[in-house]
Amino acid sequence: MNDTQNKKIAQVTDKTLVVGVDIGSDKHYARAILARGFEVSKKPFEFANTRDGFDRFVNWSFHLAVENHLTKIFVALEPTGHYWFNLADYLRDHDVKLVLVAPQHVKHSKEMDDNTQTKNDRKDPLVIAKLVTEGRYMFPYIPEDIYAELRVAFNRRCDLVEALSRNENRMIRWFDIYFPEYKEVYGKANAILGLMILMRALLPSDILTLGVEGICQTWREAKIRAAGINRAKKLVAAAERSIGRKGCEAVRQELWQLMEEHDLLSRQLSNMMQIITELLARIPGAERLLNVPGAGVITVAGFLSEVGDISRFTDPKQIQKLAGLAIVENSSGK
């Protein structure tokens, strides 16, 4: 047993009430034990994921503590998705100590009571509470203020990047079926000049109708100088020899909607990146991180959104441990 675990065990004294909570989407269940594992709750306490439910839970916990002459309360839970966020904020605002237990520890500890790993509302809270008395818990870091805002913004950016990737894959599929030669003209499905033409001419037959002059006129209206007549001729030639399937109105609508979705997601991503950049400008030390070679806005924002305020660490090894890394130097000679 390591020294850190010993310190955690030492924090659970004879004056501590340990309350294990099994988190659900609408309802939570709690059971309470003493430091030596004796249960003081007569049955699982059920409370709703509402303010009234949280009030009832805290009152129930304090009542058990007073009834058993205890002076400290540890509330422990297994972080399940996002359902525990509101309860965590409520407990913090009411100065109730919150700790977390790892899901894998809960999973492996279940069969110790009844030799099964089945999940139920009565069993799980007790397993969670007992893990705390064994020192198998951690104190959560819940970012606040600008760090909380950065985490929300960066997570949203990740969602948008993923959505854009799915959208572009669907566009590539569309081109493979209806206009496979398009890739010979534009290497990417989301090429800006190509999308400008497709907004007016969705299928190869539409491009032939538009013609070289119509394509060039589209670019001139958009004041695009980089695109010339040779690119327009190449696009028309690709449409002439296309082996793509014949399209219909539904096929046109499919690509149109995909392009509209791509435009919307791209604008949302651009706006979110602007927000992230502005947030980084307000975070102490972020500018120094951006000066590290190879570290850009995305890298630094991702790092700070997960780690939070780096001033809370006293040694770089603490950040390494948080990331699950054991970094060592790999060198030779002098």
Protein backbone atom coordinates (compact mmCIF):
# COMPACT_ATOMS: atom_id res chain seq x y z
CA MET A 1 0.00 0.00 0.00
CA ASN A 2 1.52 3.35 -1.06
CA ASP A 3 1.93 6.40 1.13
CA THR A 4 -0.77 8.34 -0.74
CA GLN A 5 -3.36 5.68 -0.02
CA ASN A 6 -2.33 5.63 3.65
CA LYS A 7 -2.91 9.38 3.83
CA LYS A 8 -6.35 8.98 2.30
CA ILE A 9 -7.26 6.25 4.79
CA ALA A 10 -6.06 8.49 7.63
CA GLN A 11 -8.53 11.19 6.56
CA VAL A 12 -11.44 8.84 7.24
CA THR A 13 -11.48 8.90 11.05
CA ASP A 14 -13.85 7.55 13.69
CA LYS A 15 -15.67 10.89 13.44
CA THR A 16 -16.36 10.54 9.72
CA LEU A 17 -19.63 9.56 8.08
CA VAL A 18 -19.01 8.07 4.64
CA VAL A 19 -21.99 8.35 2.28
CA GLY A 20 -21.90 6.39 -0.96
CA VAL A 21 -24.13 7.61 -3.79
CA ASP A 22 -25.18 5.64 -6.85
CA ILE A 23 -25.82 8.20 -9.60
CA GLY A 24 -28.77 7.86 -11.97
CA SER A 25 -30.28 10.04 -14.67
CA ASP A 26 -33.35 11.05 -12.62
CA LYS A 27 -32.87 9.50 -9.18
CA HIS A 28 -29.88 8.79 -6.95
CA TYR A 29 -29.52 6.29 -4.10
CA ALA A 30 -27.35 6.69 -1.00
CA ARG A 31 -26.13 4.54 1.90
CA ALA A 32 -24.00 5.63 4.85
CA ILE A 33 -21.32 3.79 6.85
CA LEU A 34 -18.78 4.49 9.57
CA ALA A 35 -15.03 4.39 9.12
CA ARG A 36 -14.88 0.68 10.07
CA GLY A 37 -17.63 -0.25 7.61
CA PHE A 38 -20.62 -0.44 9.96
CA GLU A 39 -23.73 0.75 8.13
CA VAL A 40 -25.82 3.39 9.88
CA SER A 41 -28.41 3.91 7.15
CA LYS A 42 -31.34 1.57 7.65
CA LYS A 43 -32.12 1.38 3.95
CA PRO A 44 -31.01 3.07 0.70
CA PHE A 45 -32.03 6.71 0.65
CA GLU A 46 -33.65 7.71 -2.64
CA PHE A 47 -33.56 11.33 -3.79
CA ALA A 48 -34.37 13.09 -7.05
CA ASN A 49 -31.97 14.98 -9.27
CA THR A 50 -33.58 18.29 -8.22
CA ARG A 51 -32.87 21.03 -5.70
CA ASP A 52 -35.52 19.61 -3.38
CA GLY A 53 -33.93 16.19 -3.72
CA PHE A 54 -30.47 17.57 -2.96
CA ASP A 55 -31.84 19.42 0.08
CA ARG A 56 -33.38 16.19 1.38
CA PHE A 57 -30.13 14.30 0.81
CA VAL A 58 -27.95 16.82 2.68
CA ASN A 59 -30.43 17.00 5.56
CA TRP A 60 -30.52 13.19 5.73
CA SER A 61 -26.70 13.05 5.80
CA PHE A 62 -26.38 15.69 8.52
CA HIS A 63 -29.10 13.98 10.57
CA LEU A 64 -27.17 10.67 10.47
CA ALA A 65 -23.95 12.46 11.42
CA VAL A 66 -25.55 14.15 14.43
CA GLU A 67 -27.36 10.99 15.45
CA ASN A 68 -24.05 9.06 15.51
CA HIS A 69 -21.99 11.90 17.07
CA LEU A 70 -19.89 12.43 13.94
CA THR A 71 -18.28 15.71 12.91
CA LYS A 72 -17.24 15.11 9.30
CA ILE A 73 -19.04 13.86 6.18
CA PHE A 74 -17.52 12.35 3.05
CA VAL A 75 -19.89 11.99 0.10
CA ALA A 76 -18.53 9.55 -2.48
CA LEU A 77 -19.84 8.74 -5.91
CA GLU A 78 -18.87 7.01 -9.12
CA PRO A 79 -18.78 9.67 -11.87
CA THR A 80 -21.34 8.43 -14.39
CA GLY A 81 -21.53 10.51 -17.54
CA HIS A 82 -22.71 14.04 -16.82
CA TYR A 83 -25.40 13.17 -14.29
CA TRP A 84 -23.21 13.96 -11.26
CA PHE A 85 -22.25 17.52 -12.27
CA ASN A 86 -25.22 19.28 -10.64
CA LEU A 87 -24.92 17.33 -7.39
CA ALA A 88 -21.19 18.09 -7.24
CA ASP A 89 -21.83 21.83 -7.61
CA TYR A 90 -24.54 21.71 -4.96
CA LEU A 91 -22.31 19.91 -2.45
CA ARG A 92 -19.46 22.34 -3.09
CA ASP A 93 -21.77 25.30 -2.49
CA HIS A 94 -22.89 23.72 0.81
CA ASP A 95 -19.34 22.90 1.99
CA VAL A 96 -19.85 19.14 1.86
CA LYS A 97 -16.72 17.15 1.04
CA LEU A 98 -17.04 15.22 -2.23
CA VAL A 99 -14.75 12.42 -3.39
CA LEU A 100 -14.85 10.16 -6.44
CA VAL A 101 -14.18 6.45 -6.83
CA ALA A 102 -12.98 4.88 -10.06
CA PRO A 103 -15.60 2.89 -12.03
CA GLN A 104 -13.19 -0.03 -12.46
CA HIS A 105 -12.75 -0.25 -8.67
CA VAL A 106 -16.52 -0.39 -8.21
CA LYS A 107 -16.81 -3.06 -10.87
CA HIS A 108 -14.15 -5.30 -9.32
CA SER A 109 -15.38 -4.80 -5.75
CA LYS A 110 -19.03 -5.73 -6.31
CA GLU A 111 -18.60 -9.50 -6.09
CA MET A 112 -16.93 -9.32 -2.67
CA ASP A 113 -20.31 -8.98 -0.92
CA ASP A 114 -22.41 -11.58 -2.72
CA ASN A 115 -20.05 -13.14 -5.30
CA THR A 116 -21.78 -11.42 -8.21
CA GLN A 117 -21.09 -8.32 -10.29
CA THR A 118 -24.75 -7.47 -10.75
CA LYS A 119 -25.67 -3.81 -10.47
CA ASN A 120 -28.53 -2.61 -8.24
CA ASP A 121 -29.51 0.50 -6.35
CA ARG A 122 -29.02 -1.10 -2.93
CA LYS A 123 -25.63 -2.66 -3.54
CA ASP A 124 -23.68 0.00 -5.42
CA PRO A 125 -23.84 2.84 -2.85
CA LEU A 126 -22.44 0.53 -0.19
CA VAL A 127 -19.60 -0.66 -2.46
CA ILE A 128 -18.72 2.97 -3.22
CA ALA A 129 -18.71 3.93 0.48
CA LYS A 130 -16.48 0.96 1.44
CA LEU A 131 -13.92 1.92 -1.22
CA VAL A 132 -13.54 5.28 0.53
CA THR A 133 -12.70 3.62 3.86
CA GLU A 134 -9.98 1.69 2.00
CA GLY A 135 -8.46 4.92 0.68
CA ARG A 136 -9.45 4.15 -2.92
CA TYR A 137 -10.81 7.55 -3.80
CA MET A 138 -9.72 10.83 -5.29
CA PHE A 139 -10.63 14.46 -4.82
CA PRO A 140 -12.29 15.87 -7.94
CA TYR A 141 -11.07 18.98 -9.65
CA ILE A 142 -14.07 20.96 -10.87
CA PRO A 143 -12.91 23.97 -12.90
CA GLU A 144 -14.49 27.31 -12.13
CA ASP A 145 -14.85 30.69 -13.81
CA ILE A 146 -12.74 31.06 -16.95
CA TYR A 147 -11.38 27.50 -16.78
CA ALA A 148 -14.91 26.09 -16.70
CA GLU A 149 -15.81 28.28 -19.66
CA LEU A 150 -12.72 27.11 -21.57
CA ARG A 151 -13.58 23.46 -20.95
CA VAL A 152 -17.11 23.96 -22.30
CA ALA A 153 -15.79 25.83 -25.35
CA PHE A 154 -13.09 23.29 -26.13
CA ASN A 155 -15.47 20.33 -25.73
CA ARG A 156 -17.86 22.07 -28.12
CA ARG A 157 -15.00 22.55 -30.58
CA CYS A 158 -14.26 18.82 -30.43
CA ASP A 159 -17.93 18.05 -31.15
CA LEU A 160 -17.92 20.41 -34.14
CA VAL A 161 -14.72 18.93 -35.57
CA GLU A 162 -16.22 15.46 -35.28
CA ALA A 163 -19.48 16.60 -36.90
CA LEU A 164 -17.56 18.24 -39.75
CA SER A 165 -15.61 15.04 -40.34
CA ARG A 166 -18.85 13.04 -40.56
CA ASN A 167 -20.32 15.60 -42.93
CA GLU A 168 -17.29 15.53 -45.23
CA ASN A 169 -17.31 11.72 -45.30
CA ARG A 170 -20.95 11.81 -46.42
CA MET A 171 -20.05 14.33 -49.12
CA ILE A 172 -17.22 12.07 -50.31
CA ARG A 173 -19.69 9.19 -50.51
CA TRP A 174 -22.03 11.36 -52.60
CA PHE A 175 -19.23 12.23 -55.05
CA ASP A 176 -18.14 8.58 -55.32
CA ILE A 177 -21.65 7.67 -56.46
CA TYR A 178 -22.75 10.63 -58.59
CA PHE A 179 -19.60 12.49 -59.65
CA PRO A 180 -16.43 10.43 -58.99
CA GLU A 181 -14.39 12.55 -61.45
CA TYR A 182 -14.81 15.57 -59.19
CA LYS A 183 -11.81 14.33 -57.17
CA GLU A 184 -9.61 14.75 -60.26
CA VAL A 185 -10.38 18.46 -60.30
CA TYR A 186 -10.48 19.08 -56.55
CA GLY A 187 -8.61 16.81 -54.19
CA LYS A 188 -10.93 17.62 -51.29
CA ALA A 189 -14.70 17.38 -51.13
CA ASN A 190 -14.86 20.66 -49.22
CA ALA A 191 -12.75 22.73 -51.64
CA ILE A 192 -14.15 26.26 -51.50
CA LEU A 193 -14.03 26.97 -55.25
CA GLY A 194 -15.64 23.65 -56.02
CA LEU A 195 -18.43 24.17 -53.49
CA MET A 196 -19.16 27.59 -55.01
CA ILE A 197 -19.91 25.94 -58.35
CA LEU A 198 -21.87 23.09 -56.80
CA MET A 199 -24.17 25.57 -55.10
CA ARG A 200 -25.35 26.48 -58.61
CA ALA A 201 -24.78 23.21 -60.45
CA LEU A 202 -25.15 20.12 -58.26
CA LEU A 203 -24.85 17.28 -60.80
CA PRO A 204 -22.52 16.73 -63.77
CA SER A 205 -25.41 17.45 -66.11
CA ASP A 206 -25.99 20.77 -64.34
CA ILE A 207 -22.30 21.67 -64.75
CA LEU A 208 -22.52 20.99 -68.49
CA THR A 209 -25.54 23.29 -68.66
CA LEU A 210 -23.69 26.01 -66.75
CA GLY A 211 -20.68 25.70 -69.07
CA VAL A 212 -17.18 27.14 -68.85
CA GLU A 213 -18.38 30.73 -69.13
CA GLY A 214 -20.99 30.23 -66.41
CA ILE A 215 -18.38 28.75 -64.07
CA CYS A 216 -15.97 31.63 -64.66
CA GLN A 217 -18.80 34.14 -64.16
CA THR A 218 -19.59 32.52 -60.78
CA TRP A 219 -16.02 33.02 -59.66
CA ARG A 220 -15.90 36.58 -60.99
CA GLU A 221 -19.04 37.48 -59.06
CA ALA A 222 -17.36 36.16 -55.91
CA LYS A 223 -14.22 38.18 -56.81
CA ILE A 224 -12.06 35.06 -56.90
CA ARG A 225 -8.91 35.74 -58.89
CA ALA A 226 -7.03 32.50 -58.27
CA ALA A 227 -9.48 30.43 -60.35
CA GLY A 228 -9.04 30.60 -64.12
CA ILE A 229 -10.54 29.33 -67.33
CA ASN A 230 -8.33 26.24 -67.34
CA ARG A 231 -9.82 25.01 -64.06
CA ALA A 232 -13.30 25.67 -65.44
CA LYS A 233 -12.54 23.66 -68.59
CA LYS A 234 -11.17 20.82 -66.48
CA LEU A 235 -14.36 20.71 -64.42
CA VAL A 236 -16.57 20.67 -67.53
CA ALA A 237 -14.44 17.95 -69.10
CA ALA A 238 -14.79 15.85 -65.94
CA ALA A 239 -18.56 16.28 -66.09
CA GLU A 240 -18.63 15.23 -69.76
CA ARG A 241 -16.92 11.90 -69.11
CA SER A 242 -18.53 11.23 -65.73
CA ILE A 243 -19.58 7.64 -65.04
CA GLY A 244 -21.64 8.70 -62.03
CA ARG A 245 -25.19 7.51 -61.58
CA LYS A 246 -27.97 9.66 -62.95
CA GLY A 247 -29.33 11.94 -60.28
CA CYS A 248 -32.79 13.23 -59.49
CA GLU A 249 -34.22 16.01 -57.36
CA ALA A 250 -33.75 13.99 -54.17
CA VAL A 251 -30.08 13.50 -55.05
CA ARG A 252 -29.68 17.24 -55.63
CA GLN A 253 -31.32 17.98 -52.29
CA GLU A 254 -29.02 15.54 -50.51
CA LEU A 255 -25.86 17.31 -51.66
CA TRP A 256 -27.43 20.74 -51.15
CA GLN A 257 -28.28 19.91 -47.55
CA LEU A 258 -24.82 18.44 -46.95
CA MET A 259 -23.22 21.65 -48.23
CA GLU A 260 -25.53 23.79 -46.11
CA GLU A 261 -24.66 21.70 -43.07
CA HIS A 262 -20.95 22.01 -43.89
CA ASP A 263 -21.25 25.79 -44.14
CA LEU A 264 -23.12 26.02 -40.83
CA LEU A 265 -20.65 23.75 -38.99
CA SER A 266 -17.68 25.63 -40.44
CA ARG A 267 -19.06 28.97 -39.23
CA GLN A 268 -19.84 27.54 -35.80
CA LEU A 269 -16.31 26.12 -35.55
CA SER A 270 -14.80 29.45 -36.57
CA ASN A 271 -16.88 31.27 -33.93
CA MET A 272 -15.91 28.76 -31.26
CA MET A 273 -12.22 29.08 -32.10
CA GLN A 274 -12.59 32.86 -31.72
CA ILE A 275 -14.10 32.36 -28.26
CA ILE A 276 -11.29 29.94 -27.29
CA THR A 277 -8.63 32.40 -28.48
CA GLU A 278 -10.21 35.21 -26.45
CA LEU A 279 -10.40 32.99 -23.36
CA LEU A 280 -6.73 32.02 -23.65
CA ALA A 281 -5.79 35.69 -23.77
CA ARG A 282 -7.35 36.10 -20.31
CA ILE A 283 -5.69 33.08 -18.67
CA PRO A 284 -2.44 33.76 -16.76
CA GLY A 285 0.49 31.86 -18.24
CA ALA A 286 -1.27 30.88 -21.47
CA GLU A 287 0.88 33.25 -23.53
CA ARG A 288 4.03 31.52 -22.29
CA LEU A 289 2.61 28.13 -23.23
CA LEU A 290 1.82 29.43 -26.71
CA ASN A 291 5.49 30.38 -27.11
CA VAL A 292 6.55 26.74 -26.67
CA PRO A 293 7.68 25.43 -30.11
CA GLY A 294 4.95 23.29 -31.65
CA ALA A 295 2.27 24.40 -29.19
CA GLY A 296 -0.59 26.25 -30.87
CA VAL A 297 -3.97 27.52 -29.74
CA ILE A 298 -5.63 24.09 -29.99
CA THR A 299 -2.87 22.30 -28.05
CA VAL A 300 -2.74 24.88 -25.26
CA ALA A 301 -6.52 25.19 -25.03
CA GLY A 302 -6.91 21.41 -24.84
CA PHE A 303 -4.25 21.19 -22.14
CA LEU A 304 -5.70 23.95 -19.98
CA SER A 305 -9.28 22.76 -20.45
CA GLU A 306 -8.31 19.43 -18.88
CA VAL A 307 -5.67 20.50 -16.35
CA GLY A 308 -7.27 23.79 -15.34
CA ASP A 309 -5.34 26.30 -13.27
CA ILE A 310 -1.72 25.08 -13.41
CA SER A 311 -0.80 27.27 -10.43
CA ARG A 312 -2.49 24.67 -8.19
CA PHE A 313 0.41 22.28 -8.89
CA THR A 314 3.68 22.55 -7.01
CA ASP A 315 5.70 20.15 -9.18
CA PRO A 316 5.60 19.17 -12.89
CA LYS A 317 5.44 15.52 -11.86
CA GLN A 318 1.96 16.15 -10.48
CA ILE A 319 0.76 17.04 -13.98
CA GLN A 320 2.51 13.97 -15.38
CA LYS A 321 0.70 11.81 -12.84
CA LEU A 322 -2.62 13.46 -13.69
CA ALA A 323 -2.05 12.54 -17.34
CA GLY A 324 -1.04 8.99 -16.42
CA LEU A 325 2.49 9.49 -17.75
CA ALA A 326 5.89 8.57 -16.37
CA ILE A 327 8.20 10.73 -18.49
CA VAL A 328 11.89 9.84 -18.41
CA GLU A 329 14.86 11.20 -20.34
CA ASN A 330 16.10 9.08 -23.23
CA SER A 331 19.69 10.16 -23.96
CA SER A 332 23.27 8.94 -24.05
CA GLY A 333 26.79 10.34 -23.81
CA LYS A 334 27.55 13.65 -22.16
